[in-house]
């Protein structure tokens, strides 16, 4: 089963002009993005090949910018935020309207959150604390797209794009986005999906 995680990063910078020493401040909470990348892919001594991670960066100076990480093609990724931040900086040097591969397995484009949602293929799932418990949900596809917000969540306009999505909860508590990704992986690992 292929899992795709989509994060809307409301404040994350859309240029390479941020310090790797200050991903939370100077990067516009780029630390959240880096943690989500690591949670999406890293196993002990391996990467999840069946996973993609898509992030729509909506901070200044020129939003939106979308980064797509493909587990089966990723190279040069290490499990520390600075390394991930460095690969993001490289990707932000190559932003064009057409999706471009910046380094192996990392693709960059000017797609908006709306375009990303409209282009998704597979079952659309909105991770939300008020959704149906993931343990009770039957998934109907071999490709599942999980949408989640950053520390600011999704706006009402963003949520309106997800009207047809299953609303699924992994906890009654509001969790960090990177923790949500790990919990989803754990649920599917235990079901051997």
N, C-alpha and C. Protein backbone atom coordinates (compact mmCIF):
# COMPACT_ATOMS: atom_id res chain seq x y z
N UNK A 1 0.84 -1.18 0.00
CA UNK A 1 0.00 0.00 0.00
C UNK A 1 0.89 1.24 0.00
N UNK A 2 0.53 2.19 -0.83
CA UNK A 2 1.28 3.45 -0.90
C UNK A 2 0.59 4.49 -0.02
N UNK A 3 1.40 5.18 0.79
CA UNK A 3 0.89 6.26 1.64
C UNK A 3 1.50 7.58 1.17
N UNK A 4 0.64 8.57 1.02
CA UNK A 4 1.08 9.92 0.66
C UNK A 4 0.61 10.85 1.77
N UNK A 5 1.53 11.63 2.31
CA UNK A 5 1.21 12.61 3.35
C UNK A 5 1.33 13.99 2.75
N UNK A 6 0.30 14.83 2.94
CA UNK A 6 0.28 16.19 2.41
C UNK A 6 0.18 17.15 3.57
N UNK A 7 1.16 18.04 3.68
CA UNK A 7 1.21 19.03 4.75
C UNK A 7 1.11 20.42 4.15
N UNK A 8 0.23 21.25 4.71
CA UNK A 8 0.21 22.66 4.35
C UNK A 8 1.01 23.41 5.40
N UNK A 9 2.13 24.01 4.98
CA UNK A 9 3.03 24.73 5.89
C UNK A 9 2.80 26.22 5.69
N UNK A 10 1.96 26.80 6.53
CA UNK A 10 1.44 28.15 6.34
C UNK A 10 2.50 29.24 6.35
N UNK A 11 3.56 29.06 7.11
CA UNK A 11 4.57 30.12 7.27
C UNK A 11 5.94 29.75 6.71
N UNK A 12 6.12 28.52 6.24
CA UNK A 12 7.45 28.07 5.79
C UNK A 12 7.91 28.88 4.59
N UNK A 13 9.16 29.31 4.64
CA UNK A 13 9.76 30.18 3.62
C UNK A 13 9.74 29.53 2.26
N UNK A 14 9.56 30.37 1.24
CA UNK A 14 9.53 29.91 -0.14
C UNK A 14 10.78 30.35 -0.90
N UNK A 15 11.82 30.75 -0.17
CA UNK A 15 13.12 31.03 -0.78
C UNK A 15 14.18 30.33 0.05
N UNK A 16 15.37 30.21 -0.53
CA UNK A 16 16.47 29.53 0.17
C UNK A 16 17.12 30.41 1.23
N UNK A 17 16.62 31.62 1.41
CA UNK A 17 17.24 32.58 2.32
C UNK A 17 16.77 32.38 3.76
N UNK A 18 17.17 31.26 4.34
CA UNK A 18 16.92 31.05 5.77
C UNK A 18 18.11 30.29 6.34
N UNK A 19 18.32 30.46 7.62
CA UNK A 19 19.47 29.86 8.30
C UNK A 19 19.15 28.43 8.74
N UNK A 20 20.07 27.52 8.45
CA UNK A 20 19.92 26.15 8.93
C UNK A 20 20.02 26.08 10.45
N UNK A 21 20.55 27.14 11.06
CA UNK A 21 20.66 27.20 12.52
C UNK A 21 19.38 27.74 13.16
N UNK A 22 18.44 28.20 12.34
CA UNK A 22 17.19 28.75 12.89
C UNK A 22 16.01 28.36 12.00
N UNK A 23 15.79 27.07 11.85
CA UNK A 23 14.67 26.59 11.03
C UNK A 23 13.32 27.03 11.59
N UNK A 24 13.12 27.06 12.92
CA UNK A 24 11.82 27.50 13.43
C UNK A 24 11.54 28.98 13.18
N UNK A 25 12.51 29.84 13.43
CA UNK A 25 12.30 31.28 13.30
C UNK A 25 12.54 31.78 11.89
N UNK A 26 13.78 31.75 11.47
CA UNK A 26 14.16 32.28 10.16
C UNK A 26 13.54 31.49 9.01
N UNK A 27 13.31 30.20 9.24
CA UNK A 27 12.72 29.35 8.20
C UNK A 27 11.21 29.36 8.19
N UNK A 28 10.57 30.08 9.10
CA UNK A 28 9.11 30.11 9.13
C UNK A 28 8.51 28.77 9.54
N UNK A 29 9.09 28.15 10.56
CA UNK A 29 8.70 26.82 11.05
C UNK A 29 9.07 25.72 10.06
N UNK A 30 10.19 25.92 9.37
CA UNK A 30 10.71 24.87 8.49
C UNK A 30 11.10 23.64 9.30
N UNK A 31 11.29 23.79 10.61
CA UNK A 31 11.57 22.65 11.47
C UNK A 31 10.42 21.63 11.45
N UNK A 32 9.20 22.13 11.35
CA UNK A 32 8.03 21.23 11.26
C UNK A 32 8.11 20.41 9.98
N UNK A 33 8.46 21.07 8.89
CA UNK A 33 8.58 20.38 7.60
C UNK A 33 9.66 19.31 7.69
N UNK A 34 10.83 19.67 8.24
CA UNK A 34 11.94 18.72 8.35
C UNK A 34 11.56 17.52 9.21
N UNK A 35 10.87 17.76 10.31
CA UNK A 35 10.46 16.65 11.18
C UNK A 35 9.47 15.74 10.47
N UNK A 36 8.56 16.33 9.70
CA UNK A 36 7.58 15.52 8.97
C UNK A 36 8.26 14.67 7.90
N UNK A 37 9.24 15.24 7.21
CA UNK A 37 10.00 14.46 6.22
C UNK A 37 10.63 13.26 6.92
N UNK A 38 11.30 13.50 8.04
CA UNK A 38 11.97 12.41 8.76
C UNK A 38 10.97 11.37 9.24
N UNK A 39 9.83 11.80 9.75
CA UNK A 39 8.81 10.86 10.23
C UNK A 39 8.20 10.06 9.09
N UNK A 40 8.07 10.67 7.93
CA UNK A 40 7.48 9.98 6.79
C UNK A 40 8.36 8.85 6.27
N UNK A 41 9.68 9.01 6.35
CA UNK A 41 10.56 8.08 5.64
C UNK A 41 11.46 7.19 6.48
N UNK A 42 11.92 7.63 7.62
CA UNK A 42 12.99 6.90 8.27
C UNK A 42 12.53 5.70 9.08
N UNK A 43 13.20 4.59 8.81
CA UNK A 43 13.18 3.39 9.63
C UNK A 43 14.60 3.26 10.18
N UNK A 44 14.83 2.31 11.06
CA UNK A 44 16.19 2.07 11.51
C UNK A 44 16.97 1.45 10.35
N UNK A 45 17.96 2.14 9.85
CA UNK A 45 18.84 1.67 8.77
C UNK A 45 18.14 1.51 7.43
N UNK A 46 17.04 2.22 7.21
CA UNK A 46 16.37 2.13 5.91
C UNK A 46 15.39 3.28 5.75
N UNK A 47 14.85 3.40 4.54
CA UNK A 47 13.81 4.38 4.24
C UNK A 47 12.56 3.65 3.79
N UNK A 48 11.41 4.24 4.05
CA UNK A 48 10.15 3.70 3.55
C UNK A 48 10.05 4.03 2.06
N UNK A 49 10.04 3.01 1.26
CA UNK A 49 10.00 3.19 -0.20
C UNK A 49 8.57 3.39 -0.72
N UNK A 50 7.58 3.01 0.10
CA UNK A 50 6.17 3.04 -0.32
C UNK A 50 5.49 4.36 0.08
N UNK A 51 6.28 5.38 0.38
CA UNK A 51 5.73 6.62 0.93
C UNK A 51 6.17 7.82 0.11
N UNK A 52 5.24 8.79 0.00
CA UNK A 52 5.57 10.11 -0.54
C UNK A 52 5.16 11.14 0.50
N UNK A 53 5.87 12.24 0.50
CA UNK A 53 5.52 13.37 1.37
C UNK A 53 5.48 14.61 0.50
N UNK A 54 4.36 15.33 0.56
CA UNK A 54 4.18 16.56 -0.21
C UNK A 54 3.93 17.69 0.78
N UNK A 55 4.67 18.78 0.61
CA UNK A 55 4.45 19.95 1.47
C UNK A 55 4.24 21.17 0.59
N UNK A 56 3.21 21.93 0.90
CA UNK A 56 2.95 23.20 0.22
C UNK A 56 3.43 24.30 1.16
N UNK A 57 4.49 24.99 0.75
CA UNK A 57 5.07 26.08 1.53
C UNK A 57 4.32 27.36 1.16
N UNK A 58 3.82 28.07 2.17
CA UNK A 58 3.01 29.26 1.89
C UNK A 58 3.54 30.52 2.57
N UNK A 59 4.78 30.49 3.05
CA UNK A 59 5.38 31.68 3.62
C UNK A 59 5.99 32.56 2.54
N UNK A 60 6.59 33.67 2.95
CA UNK A 60 7.21 34.59 1.99
C UNK A 60 8.51 34.04 1.45
N UNK A 61 9.02 34.58 0.39
CA UNK A 61 8.54 35.78 -0.27
C UNK A 61 7.61 35.53 -1.47
N UNK A 62 7.52 34.29 -1.97
CA UNK A 62 6.78 34.06 -3.21
C UNK A 62 5.99 32.75 -3.16
N UNK A 63 4.94 32.69 -2.34
CA UNK A 63 4.16 31.45 -2.24
C UNK A 63 3.24 31.28 -3.44
N UNK A 64 2.79 30.07 -3.67
CA UNK A 64 3.16 28.84 -3.00
C UNK A 64 4.35 28.17 -3.69
N UNK A 65 5.02 27.30 -2.96
CA UNK A 65 6.02 26.39 -3.51
C UNK A 65 5.70 25.01 -2.95
N UNK A 66 5.68 24.02 -3.81
CA UNK A 66 5.39 22.65 -3.37
C UNK A 66 6.62 21.78 -3.56
N UNK A 67 6.94 21.03 -2.51
CA UNK A 67 8.01 20.05 -2.55
C UNK A 67 7.39 18.67 -2.43
N UNK A 68 7.87 17.75 -3.26
CA UNK A 68 7.37 16.37 -3.22
C UNK A 68 8.56 15.43 -3.03
N UNK A 69 8.53 14.67 -1.96
CA UNK A 69 9.59 13.72 -1.63
C UNK A 69 9.09 12.32 -1.95
N UNK A 70 9.86 11.55 -2.72
CA UNK A 70 9.45 10.22 -3.17
C UNK A 70 10.40 9.19 -2.55
N UNK A 71 9.89 8.38 -1.64
CA UNK A 71 10.71 7.44 -0.88
C UNK A 71 11.51 6.48 -1.73
N UNK A 72 10.95 6.01 -2.82
CA UNK A 72 11.64 5.02 -3.66
C UNK A 72 12.81 5.63 -4.43
N UNK A 73 12.91 6.96 -4.48
CA UNK A 73 13.97 7.63 -5.24
C UNK A 73 14.90 8.48 -4.39
N UNK A 74 14.59 8.63 -3.10
CA UNK A 74 15.36 9.54 -2.24
C UNK A 74 16.80 9.10 -2.07
N UNK A 75 17.70 10.09 -2.14
CA UNK A 75 19.11 9.90 -1.82
C UNK A 75 19.56 11.12 -1.03
N UNK A 76 20.64 10.97 -0.31
CA UNK A 76 21.29 12.06 0.43
C UNK A 76 20.51 12.54 1.65
N UNK A 77 19.44 11.88 2.03
CA UNK A 77 18.66 12.30 3.18
C UNK A 77 19.20 11.62 4.43
N UNK A 78 19.49 12.41 5.47
CA UNK A 78 19.89 11.85 6.77
C UNK A 78 18.87 12.30 7.81
N UNK A 79 18.81 11.58 8.92
CA UNK A 79 17.74 11.86 9.88
C UNK A 79 17.99 13.03 10.83
N UNK A 80 18.53 14.11 10.32
CA UNK A 80 18.65 15.30 11.16
C UNK A 80 18.03 16.49 10.43
N UNK A 81 17.48 17.41 11.19
CA UNK A 81 16.74 18.53 10.61
C UNK A 81 17.61 19.42 9.73
N UNK A 82 18.88 19.60 10.09
CA UNK A 82 19.76 20.45 9.29
C UNK A 82 19.97 19.86 7.89
N UNK A 83 20.17 18.56 7.81
CA UNK A 83 20.35 17.91 6.50
C UNK A 83 19.10 18.10 5.65
N UNK A 84 17.94 17.83 6.24
CA UNK A 84 16.68 18.00 5.51
C UNK A 84 16.51 19.46 5.10
N UNK A 85 16.82 20.39 6.01
CA UNK A 85 16.75 21.81 5.69
C UNK A 85 17.67 22.17 4.53
N UNK A 86 18.86 21.59 4.50
CA UNK A 86 19.79 21.84 3.39
C UNK A 86 19.25 21.35 2.06
N UNK A 87 18.61 20.17 2.05
CA UNK A 87 18.01 19.65 0.81
C UNK A 87 16.84 20.52 0.37
N UNK A 88 16.09 21.05 1.34
CA UNK A 88 14.99 21.96 1.01
C UNK A 88 15.54 23.25 0.41
N UNK A 89 16.62 23.78 0.98
CA UNK A 89 17.25 24.99 0.42
C UNK A 89 17.68 24.76 -1.03
N UNK A 90 18.27 23.59 -1.31
CA UNK A 90 18.68 23.27 -2.69
C UNK A 90 17.47 23.24 -3.62
N UNK A 91 16.38 22.64 -3.13
CA UNK A 91 15.17 22.56 -3.95
C UNK A 91 14.63 23.96 -4.25
N UNK A 92 14.70 24.85 -3.26
CA UNK A 92 14.16 26.20 -3.44
C UNK A 92 14.99 27.05 -4.40
N UNK A 93 16.17 26.57 -4.77
CA UNK A 93 16.98 27.24 -5.79
C UNK A 93 16.47 26.92 -7.19
N UNK A 94 15.63 25.89 -7.32
CA UNK A 94 15.23 25.39 -8.64
C UNK A 94 13.74 25.51 -8.89
N UNK A 95 13.07 26.47 -8.27
CA UNK A 95 11.63 26.61 -8.42
C UNK A 95 11.28 27.12 -9.80
N UNK A 96 10.42 26.37 -10.48
CA UNK A 96 9.85 26.79 -11.77
C UNK A 96 8.38 26.38 -11.77
N UNK A 97 7.65 26.83 -12.77
CA UNK A 97 6.23 26.46 -12.86
C UNK A 97 6.08 24.95 -13.05
N UNK A 98 6.98 24.35 -13.82
CA UNK A 98 6.93 22.92 -14.08
C UNK A 98 7.70 22.19 -12.99
N UNK A 99 7.19 21.05 -12.56
CA UNK A 99 7.86 20.29 -11.52
C UNK A 99 9.25 19.86 -11.98
N UNK A 100 10.25 20.11 -11.12
CA UNK A 100 11.64 19.83 -11.43
C UNK A 100 12.25 19.01 -10.30
N UNK A 101 13.11 18.05 -10.64
CA UNK A 101 13.80 17.27 -9.62
C UNK A 101 15.05 18.03 -9.20
N UNK A 102 15.13 18.39 -7.92
CA UNK A 102 16.28 19.16 -7.43
C UNK A 102 17.44 18.27 -7.04
N UNK A 103 17.16 17.22 -6.30
CA UNK A 103 18.10 16.16 -5.96
C UNK A 103 17.31 14.87 -6.06
N UNK A 104 17.98 13.72 -6.12
CA UNK A 104 17.21 12.48 -6.32
C UNK A 104 16.08 12.31 -5.30
N UNK A 105 14.86 12.20 -5.83
CA UNK A 105 13.69 11.96 -5.00
C UNK A 105 13.00 13.18 -4.45
N UNK A 106 13.53 14.39 -4.74
CA UNK A 106 12.90 15.62 -4.26
C UNK A 106 12.55 16.48 -5.47
N UNK A 107 11.25 16.80 -5.59
CA UNK A 107 10.73 17.54 -6.73
C UNK A 107 10.13 18.85 -6.23
N UNK A 108 10.30 19.92 -7.01
CA UNK A 108 9.82 21.24 -6.61
C UNK A 108 8.99 21.85 -7.74
N UNK A 109 7.93 22.57 -7.35
CA UNK A 109 7.06 23.23 -8.33
C UNK A 109 6.37 24.42 -7.66
N UNK A 110 5.58 25.13 -8.44
CA UNK A 110 4.79 26.27 -7.93
C UNK A 110 3.33 25.89 -7.70
N UNK A 111 3.05 24.61 -7.52
CA UNK A 111 1.66 24.18 -7.32
C UNK A 111 1.10 24.72 -6.01
N UNK A 112 -0.17 25.06 -6.06
CA UNK A 112 -0.89 25.52 -4.87
C UNK A 112 -1.47 24.31 -4.13
N UNK A 113 -1.95 24.55 -2.92
CA UNK A 113 -2.62 23.51 -2.15
C UNK A 113 -3.81 22.95 -2.93
N UNK A 114 -4.58 23.82 -3.55
CA UNK A 114 -5.72 23.40 -4.37
C UNK A 114 -5.27 22.48 -5.50
N UNK A 115 -4.21 22.86 -6.22
CA UNK A 115 -3.72 22.02 -7.32
C UNK A 115 -3.25 20.66 -6.82
N UNK A 116 -2.55 20.66 -5.69
CA UNK A 116 -2.07 19.40 -5.13
C UNK A 116 -3.25 18.49 -4.81
N UNK A 117 -4.26 19.02 -4.13
CA UNK A 117 -5.44 18.22 -3.76
C UNK A 117 -6.16 17.71 -5.00
N UNK A 118 -6.32 18.58 -6.01
CA UNK A 118 -7.04 18.18 -7.23
C UNK A 118 -6.30 17.13 -8.05
N UNK A 119 -4.97 17.08 -7.93
CA UNK A 119 -4.18 16.13 -8.71
C UNK A 119 -4.00 14.78 -8.03
N UNK A 120 -4.39 14.68 -6.76
CA UNK A 120 -4.18 13.44 -6.04
C UNK A 120 -5.01 12.30 -6.62
N UNK A 121 -4.39 11.14 -6.66
CA UNK A 121 -5.10 9.92 -7.04
C UNK A 121 -5.07 9.00 -5.84
N UNK A 122 -6.17 8.37 -5.56
CA UNK A 122 -6.25 7.48 -4.40
C UNK A 122 -7.28 8.00 -3.43
N UNK A 123 -7.36 7.35 -2.29
CA UNK A 123 -8.34 7.68 -1.27
C UNK A 123 -7.85 8.88 -0.46
N UNK A 124 -8.69 9.91 -0.34
CA UNK A 124 -8.33 11.13 0.36
C UNK A 124 -8.82 11.06 1.81
N UNK A 125 -7.88 11.29 2.75
CA UNK A 125 -8.17 11.20 4.18
C UNK A 125 -7.68 12.49 4.84
N UNK A 126 -8.56 13.14 5.58
CA UNK A 126 -8.20 14.34 6.33
C UNK A 126 -8.01 13.93 7.78
N UNK A 127 -6.78 14.04 8.28
CA UNK A 127 -6.50 13.70 9.68
C UNK A 127 -6.98 14.84 10.57
N UNK A 128 -7.95 14.52 11.43
CA UNK A 128 -8.59 15.55 12.26
C UNK A 128 -9.02 14.90 13.57
N UNK A 129 -8.83 15.61 14.67
CA UNK A 129 -9.15 15.02 15.98
C UNK A 129 -10.63 14.69 16.14
N UNK A 130 -11.51 15.28 15.33
CA UNK A 130 -12.94 15.00 15.42
C UNK A 130 -13.42 13.99 14.38
N UNK A 131 -12.49 13.26 13.78
CA UNK A 131 -12.87 12.27 12.78
C UNK A 131 -13.17 10.91 13.40
N UNK A 132 -13.46 9.96 12.53
CA UNK A 132 -13.72 8.58 12.96
C UNK A 132 -12.39 7.94 13.36
N UNK A 133 -12.40 7.16 14.41
CA UNK A 133 -11.18 6.50 14.90
C UNK A 133 -10.56 5.65 13.78
N UNK A 134 -9.28 5.84 13.53
CA UNK A 134 -8.59 5.14 12.43
C UNK A 134 -8.68 3.62 12.59
N UNK A 135 -8.79 3.14 13.82
CA UNK A 135 -8.89 1.69 14.05
C UNK A 135 -10.19 1.12 13.49
N UNK A 136 -11.21 1.98 13.31
CA UNK A 136 -12.52 1.52 12.84
C UNK A 136 -12.77 1.82 11.37
N UNK A 137 -11.77 2.37 10.68
CA UNK A 137 -11.96 2.80 9.30
C UNK A 137 -11.47 1.73 8.33
N UNK A 138 -12.29 1.43 7.33
CA UNK A 138 -11.87 0.55 6.24
C UNK A 138 -11.37 1.43 5.11
N UNK A 139 -10.19 1.14 4.64
CA UNK A 139 -9.62 1.90 3.52
C UNK A 139 -9.83 1.10 2.26
N UNK A 140 -10.26 1.81 1.20
CA UNK A 140 -10.72 1.15 -0.02
C UNK A 140 -9.71 1.18 -1.16
N UNK A 141 -8.53 1.68 -0.92
CA UNK A 141 -7.60 1.89 -2.02
C UNK A 141 -6.22 1.37 -1.64
N UNK A 142 -5.40 1.12 -2.64
CA UNK A 142 -4.01 0.75 -2.36
C UNK A 142 -3.11 1.99 -2.35
N UNK A 143 -3.73 3.17 -2.49
CA UNK A 143 -3.02 4.44 -2.37
C UNK A 143 -3.88 5.37 -1.52
N UNK A 144 -3.33 5.77 -0.36
CA UNK A 144 -4.09 6.61 0.56
C UNK A 144 -3.34 7.92 0.77
N UNK A 145 -4.06 9.02 0.64
CA UNK A 145 -3.49 10.37 0.74
C UNK A 145 -3.99 11.01 2.03
N UNK A 146 -3.08 11.23 2.97
CA UNK A 146 -3.41 11.80 4.28
C UNK A 146 -3.06 13.28 4.30
N UNK A 147 -4.05 14.13 4.57
CA UNK A 147 -3.85 15.58 4.60
C UNK A 147 -3.80 16.03 6.05
N UNK A 148 -2.81 16.87 6.36
CA UNK A 148 -2.70 17.41 7.72
C UNK A 148 -2.18 18.83 7.68
N UNK A 149 -2.49 19.58 8.72
CA UNK A 149 -2.05 20.96 8.82
C UNK A 149 -0.84 21.08 9.72
N UNK A 150 -0.22 22.24 9.67
CA UNK A 150 0.92 22.52 10.55
C UNK A 150 0.42 23.05 11.89
N UNK A 151 1.23 23.80 12.60
CA UNK A 151 0.86 24.32 13.92
C UNK A 151 -0.33 25.28 13.87
N UNK A 152 -0.64 25.82 12.68
CA UNK A 152 -1.79 26.71 12.52
C UNK A 152 -3.04 25.98 12.03
N UNK A 153 -2.89 24.72 11.64
CA UNK A 153 -4.03 23.96 11.13
C UNK A 153 -4.42 24.39 9.72
N UNK A 154 -5.57 23.94 9.29
CA UNK A 154 -6.09 24.30 7.97
C UNK A 154 -7.20 25.33 8.12
N UNK A 155 -7.26 26.25 7.17
CA UNK A 155 -8.31 27.27 7.19
C UNK A 155 -9.64 26.65 6.75
N UNK A 156 -10.72 27.39 6.92
CA UNK A 156 -12.03 26.92 6.45
C UNK A 156 -12.02 26.73 4.94
N UNK A 157 -11.33 27.61 4.22
CA UNK A 157 -11.22 27.46 2.75
C UNK A 157 -10.50 26.17 2.39
N UNK A 158 -9.42 25.88 3.11
CA UNK A 158 -8.69 24.63 2.87
C UNK A 158 -9.58 23.44 3.17
N UNK A 159 -10.28 23.49 4.30
CA UNK A 159 -11.15 22.37 4.66
C UNK A 159 -12.26 22.17 3.65
N UNK A 160 -12.71 23.25 3.02
CA UNK A 160 -13.77 23.11 2.01
C UNK A 160 -13.29 22.30 0.80
N UNK A 161 -11.98 22.27 0.57
CA UNK A 161 -11.42 21.46 -0.52
C UNK A 161 -11.44 19.97 -0.19
N UNK A 162 -11.67 19.67 1.08
CA UNK A 162 -11.61 18.29 1.56
C UNK A 162 -12.99 17.73 1.88
N UNK A 163 -14.04 18.29 1.27
CA UNK A 163 -15.42 17.86 1.56
C UNK A 163 -15.63 16.38 1.29
N UNK A 164 -14.97 15.84 0.27
CA UNK A 164 -15.16 14.43 -0.09
C UNK A 164 -14.21 13.50 0.66
N UNK A 165 -13.30 14.07 1.44
CA UNK A 165 -12.32 13.25 2.16
C UNK A 165 -12.95 12.58 3.37
N UNK A 166 -12.46 11.40 3.71
CA UNK A 166 -12.82 10.77 4.98
C UNK A 166 -12.14 11.56 6.08
N UNK A 167 -12.87 11.90 7.12
CA UNK A 167 -12.29 12.59 8.27
C UNK A 167 -11.96 11.52 9.29
N UNK A 168 -10.66 11.37 9.58
CA UNK A 168 -10.16 10.27 10.40
C UNK A 168 -9.34 10.82 11.55
N UNK A 169 -9.54 10.24 12.72
CA UNK A 169 -8.82 10.65 13.93
C UNK A 169 -7.83 9.56 14.34
N UNK A 170 -6.65 9.99 14.76
CA UNK A 170 -5.69 9.04 15.33
C UNK A 170 -5.56 9.24 16.84
N UNK A 171 -6.20 10.31 17.34
CA UNK A 171 -6.17 10.60 18.77
C UNK A 171 -7.24 11.64 19.07
N UNK A 172 -7.81 11.61 20.26
CA UNK A 172 -8.75 12.67 20.63
C UNK A 172 -8.01 13.98 20.95
N UNK A 173 -6.70 13.92 21.03
CA UNK A 173 -5.88 15.10 21.32
C UNK A 173 -5.36 15.69 20.01
N UNK A 174 -5.03 16.98 20.04
CA UNK A 174 -4.38 17.62 18.90
C UNK A 174 -2.89 17.31 18.99
N UNK A 175 -2.35 16.65 17.96
CA UNK A 175 -0.96 16.19 17.96
C UNK A 175 -0.12 16.99 16.97
N UNK A 176 1.19 16.92 17.13
CA UNK A 176 2.10 17.51 16.15
C UNK A 176 2.00 16.72 14.85
N UNK A 177 2.18 17.40 13.73
CA UNK A 177 2.04 16.77 12.42
C UNK A 177 2.99 15.59 12.26
N UNK A 178 4.25 15.75 12.69
CA UNK A 178 5.21 14.65 12.54
C UNK A 178 4.82 13.44 13.36
N UNK A 179 4.21 13.65 14.52
CA UNK A 179 3.75 12.53 15.34
C UNK A 179 2.58 11.82 14.66
N UNK A 180 1.71 12.58 14.02
CA UNK A 180 0.58 11.99 13.29
C UNK A 180 1.07 11.02 12.22
N UNK A 181 2.11 11.42 11.51
CA UNK A 181 2.66 10.57 10.44
C UNK A 181 3.17 9.26 11.02
N UNK A 182 3.89 9.32 12.12
CA UNK A 182 4.43 8.11 12.74
C UNK A 182 3.30 7.20 13.21
N UNK A 183 2.26 7.77 13.79
CA UNK A 183 1.13 6.96 14.27
C UNK A 183 0.42 6.29 13.11
N UNK A 184 0.21 7.01 12.02
CA UNK A 184 -0.43 6.40 10.84
C UNK A 184 0.42 5.24 10.33
N UNK A 185 1.73 5.45 10.20
CA UNK A 185 2.61 4.36 9.78
C UNK A 185 2.46 3.16 10.71
N UNK A 186 2.43 3.40 12.01
CA UNK A 186 2.32 2.32 12.99
C UNK A 186 1.03 1.54 12.81
N UNK A 187 -0.07 2.24 12.60
CA UNK A 187 -1.36 1.56 12.39
C UNK A 187 -1.28 0.64 11.17
N UNK A 188 -0.72 1.14 10.08
CA UNK A 188 -0.65 0.34 8.86
C UNK A 188 0.40 -0.77 8.96
N UNK A 189 1.49 -0.49 9.67
CA UNK A 189 2.51 -1.55 9.88
C UNK A 189 1.89 -2.72 10.65
N UNK A 190 1.09 -2.41 11.66
CA UNK A 190 0.49 -3.47 12.47
C UNK A 190 -0.56 -4.26 11.69
N UNK A 191 -1.18 -3.61 10.71
CA UNK A 191 -2.16 -4.31 9.87
C UNK A 191 -1.49 -4.98 8.67
N UNK A 192 -0.16 -4.81 8.57
CA UNK A 192 0.62 -5.35 7.44
C UNK A 192 0.11 -4.86 6.10
N UNK A 193 -0.24 -3.57 6.06
CA UNK A 193 -0.72 -2.98 4.81
C UNK A 193 0.36 -2.14 4.16
